[in-house]
Amino acid sequence: MTLSFFDQFMSPTFMGIPLMALALSLPWILYPTPSARWLNNRLLSLQGWFINRFTQQLLLPLNTGGHKWAALLASLMIFLITLNMLGLLPYTFTPTTQLSLNLGLAVPLWLATVIIGMRNQPTHALGHLLPEGTPGPLIPVLIVIETISLFIRPLALGVRLTANLTAGHLLIQLIATAAFVLLPLMPTVAILTSTVLVLLTLLEVAVAMIQAYVFVLLLTLYLQENV
């Protein structure tokens, strides 16, 4: 039976039960739980250092009112990085290649930032829909354009993450298939193709981390506009 390149993005099932929940719970199982001891092992110390550094960088553009989101944003960042990195392992499934999951993360968080802005400072939040000094005839057009751009934000968040990871996985599979087919025919070309595959895999590791960071960074910028 011939498999399609897109079969790797199908949600796996076991006895008719989707394994998406297991894939989503795996990152929380892998990380060790911090202890109350003064001296921890190296893994816990490295984990704490990374979370502290990331939280400091994340809160730089935010004022004091947005600092209460630190735990949520840091957890989301670690969660997305872990899912993206685990998806690069052989015979694994990447949940973040599903647009439904990414929109399920993006839409509620974006909506929360909008609701906070409308509740705390409605005049400032609505002021983003109309730039200062706009000519009178352009006011209705600009309001419509800014409203559309506001509602496109969660869609852009989900599609960006899905498209980047899907394209990377497809490219890796295409080059790996080419290397496998060329090995008995042209070994030299197959070795060169395998070298490109290794370099592409390293690039995909960077993309997996960068896309998770961009997802959370954009949420931080949306939050900054509304707090």
Protein backbone atom coordinates (compact mmCIF):
# COMPACT_ATOMS: atom_id res chain seq x y z
CA MET A 1 0.00 0.00 0.00
CA THR A 2 1.41 3.37 -1.05
CA LEU A 3 1.38 6.01 1.66
CA SER A 4 1.00 9.71 1.01
CA PHE A 5 3.50 12.23 2.32
CA PHE A 6 0.65 13.81 4.27
CA ASP A 7 -0.19 10.62 6.18
CA GLN A 8 2.36 11.61 8.84
CA PHE A 9 0.07 14.49 9.84
CA MET A 10 -2.94 12.25 10.54
CA SER A 11 -3.86 12.00 14.21
CA PRO A 12 -2.89 8.49 15.39
CA THR A 13 -5.53 6.22 16.88
CA PHE A 14 -5.37 3.04 18.95
CA MET A 15 -8.45 0.81 18.93
CA GLY A 16 -10.46 3.75 17.64
CA ILE A 17 -9.23 6.04 20.45
CA PRO A 18 -7.33 9.17 19.31
CA LEU A 19 -3.91 9.46 20.90
CA MET A 20 -3.82 13.26 20.70
CA ALA A 21 -4.41 13.51 24.48
CA LEU A 22 -1.41 11.26 25.15
CA ALA A 23 0.81 13.34 22.85
CA LEU A 24 -0.30 16.55 24.59
CA SER A 25 0.32 15.15 28.09
CA LEU A 26 3.79 13.81 27.28
CA PRO A 27 5.66 17.14 27.75
CA TRP A 28 4.38 17.50 31.31
CA ILE A 29 5.57 13.96 32.14
CA LEU A 30 9.10 14.49 30.82
CA TYR A 31 10.03 17.50 32.95
CA PRO A 32 11.07 16.84 36.56
CA THR A 33 9.08 18.41 39.36
CA PRO A 34 11.01 21.09 41.30
CA SER A 35 11.68 20.17 44.91
CA ALA A 36 11.74 22.29 48.05
CA ARG A 37 15.39 21.47 48.75
CA TRP A 38 18.02 24.20 48.66
CA LEU A 39 20.38 22.13 46.51
CA ASN A 40 18.97 20.51 43.36
CA ASN A 41 20.53 18.34 40.71
CA ARG A 42 21.96 19.80 37.50
CA LEU A 43 18.82 19.14 35.45
CA LEU A 44 16.56 21.03 37.85
CA SER A 45 19.07 23.88 38.10
CA LEU A 46 19.28 24.15 34.30
CA GLN A 47 15.50 24.03 34.02
CA GLY A 48 15.10 26.79 36.61
CA TRP A 49 17.78 28.95 34.98
CA PHE A 50 16.14 28.64 31.55
CA ILE A 51 12.67 29.49 32.87
CA ASN A 52 13.99 32.50 34.79
CA ARG A 53 15.93 33.86 31.82
CA PHE A 54 13.04 33.38 29.44
CA THR A 55 10.57 34.99 31.83
CA GLN A 56 12.84 38.02 32.23
CA GLN A 57 13.12 38.47 28.47
CA LEU A 58 9.41 37.93 28.02
CA LEU A 59 8.40 40.56 30.56
CA LEU A 60 10.68 43.30 29.19
CA PRO A 61 8.03 44.90 26.92
CA LEU A 62 5.26 44.43 29.50
CA ASN A 63 4.31 46.80 32.27
CA THR A 64 3.49 45.66 35.79
CA GLY A 65 -0.09 44.76 34.92
CA GLY A 66 1.03 42.11 32.44
CA HIS A 67 3.43 40.36 34.81
CA LYS A 68 0.62 38.18 36.14
CA TRP A 69 0.69 36.38 32.77
CA ALA A 70 4.31 35.26 33.29
CA ALA A 71 3.51 31.74 34.49
CA LEU A 72 1.01 31.12 31.68
CA LEU A 73 3.28 32.41 28.92
CA ALA A 74 6.39 30.60 30.22
CA SER A 75 4.43 27.33 30.50
CA LEU A 76 3.05 27.76 27.00
CA MET A 77 6.53 28.41 25.63
CA ILE A 78 7.98 25.25 27.20
CA PHE A 79 4.93 23.25 26.13
CA LEU A 80 5.22 24.29 22.47
CA ILE A 81 8.99 23.82 22.33
CA THR A 82 8.67 20.31 23.75
CA LEU A 83 5.90 19.31 21.34
CA ASN A 84 7.83 20.67 18.36
CA MET A 85 11.07 18.95 19.39
CA LEU A 86 9.41 15.60 20.11
CA GLY A 87 7.81 15.73 16.67
CA LEU A 88 11.27 15.61 15.06
CA LEU A 89 11.92 12.14 16.48
CA PRO A 90 11.27 9.16 14.16
CA TYR A 91 7.85 7.48 14.34
CA THR A 92 6.34 10.30 16.37
CA PHE A 93 3.37 12.59 15.87
CA THR A 94 3.55 16.38 16.07
CA PRO A 95 0.29 17.80 17.49
CA THR A 96 1.30 21.35 16.54
CA THR A 97 1.00 20.47 12.83
CA GLN A 98 -2.78 20.41 13.39
CA LEU A 99 -4.37 23.77 12.68
CA SER A 100 -7.26 22.97 15.03
CA LEU A 101 -4.91 22.62 18.01
CA ASN A 102 -2.99 25.80 17.20
CA LEU A 103 -6.19 27.78 16.78
CA GLY A 104 -7.44 26.26 20.02
CA LEU A 105 -4.41 27.78 21.74
CA ALA A 106 -4.35 31.09 19.83
CA VAL A 107 -8.01 32.11 19.84
CA PRO A 108 -8.71 31.93 23.63
CA LEU A 109 -5.45 33.69 24.54
CA TRP A 110 -5.96 36.42 21.94
CA LEU A 111 -9.57 36.84 23.03
CA ALA A 112 -8.44 37.16 26.65
CA THR A 113 -6.10 40.03 25.73
CA VAL A 114 -8.91 41.80 23.84
CA ILE A 115 -11.37 41.36 26.73
CA ILE A 116 -8.80 42.69 29.21
CA GLY A 117 -8.26 45.76 27.03
CA MET A 118 -11.97 46.41 26.63
CA ARG A 119 -12.56 46.03 30.37
CA ASN A 120 -9.61 48.04 31.70
CA GLN A 121 -9.22 50.80 29.11
CA PRO A 122 -11.97 50.66 26.46
CA THR A 123 -11.13 54.07 24.98
CA HIS A 124 -7.49 53.13 24.40
CA ALA A 125 -8.44 49.68 23.05
CA LEU A 126 -10.93 51.13 20.56
CA GLY A 127 -8.42 53.86 19.67
CA HIS A 128 -6.28 51.24 17.88
CA LEU A 129 -9.03 50.94 15.27
CA LEU A 130 -8.57 54.54 14.15
CA PRO A 131 -5.08 56.10 13.95
CA GLU A 132 -4.78 59.72 15.09
CA GLY A 133 -4.93 62.34 12.34
CA THR A 134 -6.88 60.19 9.88
CA PRO A 135 -8.70 62.24 7.18
CA GLY A 136 -12.48 62.23 7.49
CA PRO A 137 -13.31 60.35 4.26
CA LEU A 138 -10.94 57.51 5.19
CA ILE A 139 -12.34 56.93 8.69
CA PRO A 140 -14.94 54.25 7.74
CA VAL A 141 -12.48 52.41 5.50
CA LEU A 142 -9.71 52.39 8.12
CA ILE A 143 -12.06 51.18 10.85
CA VAL A 144 -13.09 48.22 8.68
CA ILE A 145 -9.46 47.43 7.77
CA GLU A 146 -8.23 47.65 11.37
CA THR A 147 -11.14 45.50 12.58
CA ILE A 148 -10.33 42.83 10.00
CA SER A 149 -6.64 42.93 10.95
CA LEU A 150 -7.61 42.54 14.60
CA PHE A 151 -9.66 39.42 13.96
CA ILE A 152 -6.99 37.95 11.65
CA ARG A 153 -4.41 37.91 14.47
CA PRO A 154 -5.37 34.53 16.02
CA LEU A 155 -5.67 33.00 12.56
CA ALA A 156 -2.19 34.25 11.68
CA LEU A 157 -0.80 32.81 14.92
CA GLY A 158 -2.22 29.35 14.24
CA VAL A 159 -1.45 29.26 10.51
CA ARG A 160 2.15 30.48 10.99
CA LEU A 161 2.97 27.70 13.45
CA THR A 162 1.17 25.03 11.42
CA ALA A 163 2.66 26.03 8.07
CA ASN A 164 6.26 26.26 9.27
CA LEU A 165 6.23 22.88 11.01
CA THR A 166 4.30 21.15 8.21
CA ALA A 167 6.67 22.48 5.53
CA GLY A 168 9.72 21.38 7.52
CA HIS A 169 8.40 17.86 8.07
CA LEU A 170 7.46 17.48 4.41
CA LEU A 171 10.88 18.70 3.27
CA ILE A 172 12.66 16.27 5.60
CA GLN A 173 10.55 13.39 4.33
CA LEU A 174 11.12 14.32 0.68
CA ILE A 175 14.91 14.55 1.07
CA ALA A 176 15.04 11.34 3.14
CA THR A 177 13.04 9.50 0.46
CA ALA A 178 15.35 10.85 -2.25
CA ALA A 179 18.45 9.72 -0.34
CA PHE A 180 16.97 6.24 0.16
CA VAL A 181 16.07 5.87 -3.52
CA LEU A 182 19.43 7.20 -4.78
CA LEU A 183 21.57 5.02 -2.49
CA PRO A 184 21.72 1.91 -4.75
CA LEU A 185 21.81 3.97 -7.96
CA MET A 186 24.19 6.87 -7.19
CA PRO A 187 25.87 6.42 -3.80
CA THR A 188 27.84 9.68 -4.05
CA VAL A 189 24.71 11.73 -4.69
CA ALA A 190 22.93 9.85 -1.91
CA ILE A 191 25.69 10.74 0.55
CA LEU A 192 25.47 14.41 -0.44
CA THR A 193 21.69 14.26 -0.06
CA SER A 194 22.09 12.70 3.38
CA THR A 195 24.42 15.55 4.35
CA VAL A 196 21.76 18.05 3.27
CA LEU A 197 19.25 16.05 5.32
CA VAL A 198 21.38 16.34 8.46
CA LEU A 199 21.77 20.10 7.96
CA LEU A 200 18.03 20.46 7.33
CA THR A 201 17.28 18.54 10.52
CA LEU A 202 19.46 20.94 12.51
CA LEU A 203 17.62 23.82 10.85
CA GLU A 204 14.28 22.29 11.80
CA VAL A 205 15.41 22.07 15.43
CA ALA A 206 16.03 25.81 15.34
CA VAL A 207 12.71 26.42 13.57
CA ALA A 208 10.86 24.37 16.20
CA MET A 209 12.27 26.55 18.97
CA ILE A 210 11.94 29.86 17.10
CA GLN A 211 8.31 29.28 16.11
CA ALA A 212 7.34 28.52 19.70
CA TYR A 213 9.09 31.70 20.81
CA VAL A 214 7.43 33.78 18.06
CA PHE A 215 3.99 32.42 19.04
CA VAL A 216 4.43 33.50 22.66
CA LEU A 217 6.18 36.77 21.75
CA LEU A 218 3.28 37.89 19.56
CA LEU A 219 0.84 37.06 22.34
CA THR A 220 2.98 39.21 24.63
CA LEU A 221 2.81 42.12 22.17
CA TYR A 222 -0.96 41.75 21.89
CA LEU A 223 -1.16 41.77 25.67
CA GLN A 224 1.00 44.88 25.89
CA GLU A 225 -1.48 46.79 23.73
CA ASN A 226 -4.30 46.06 26.15
CA VAL A 227 -2.77 46.38 29.64
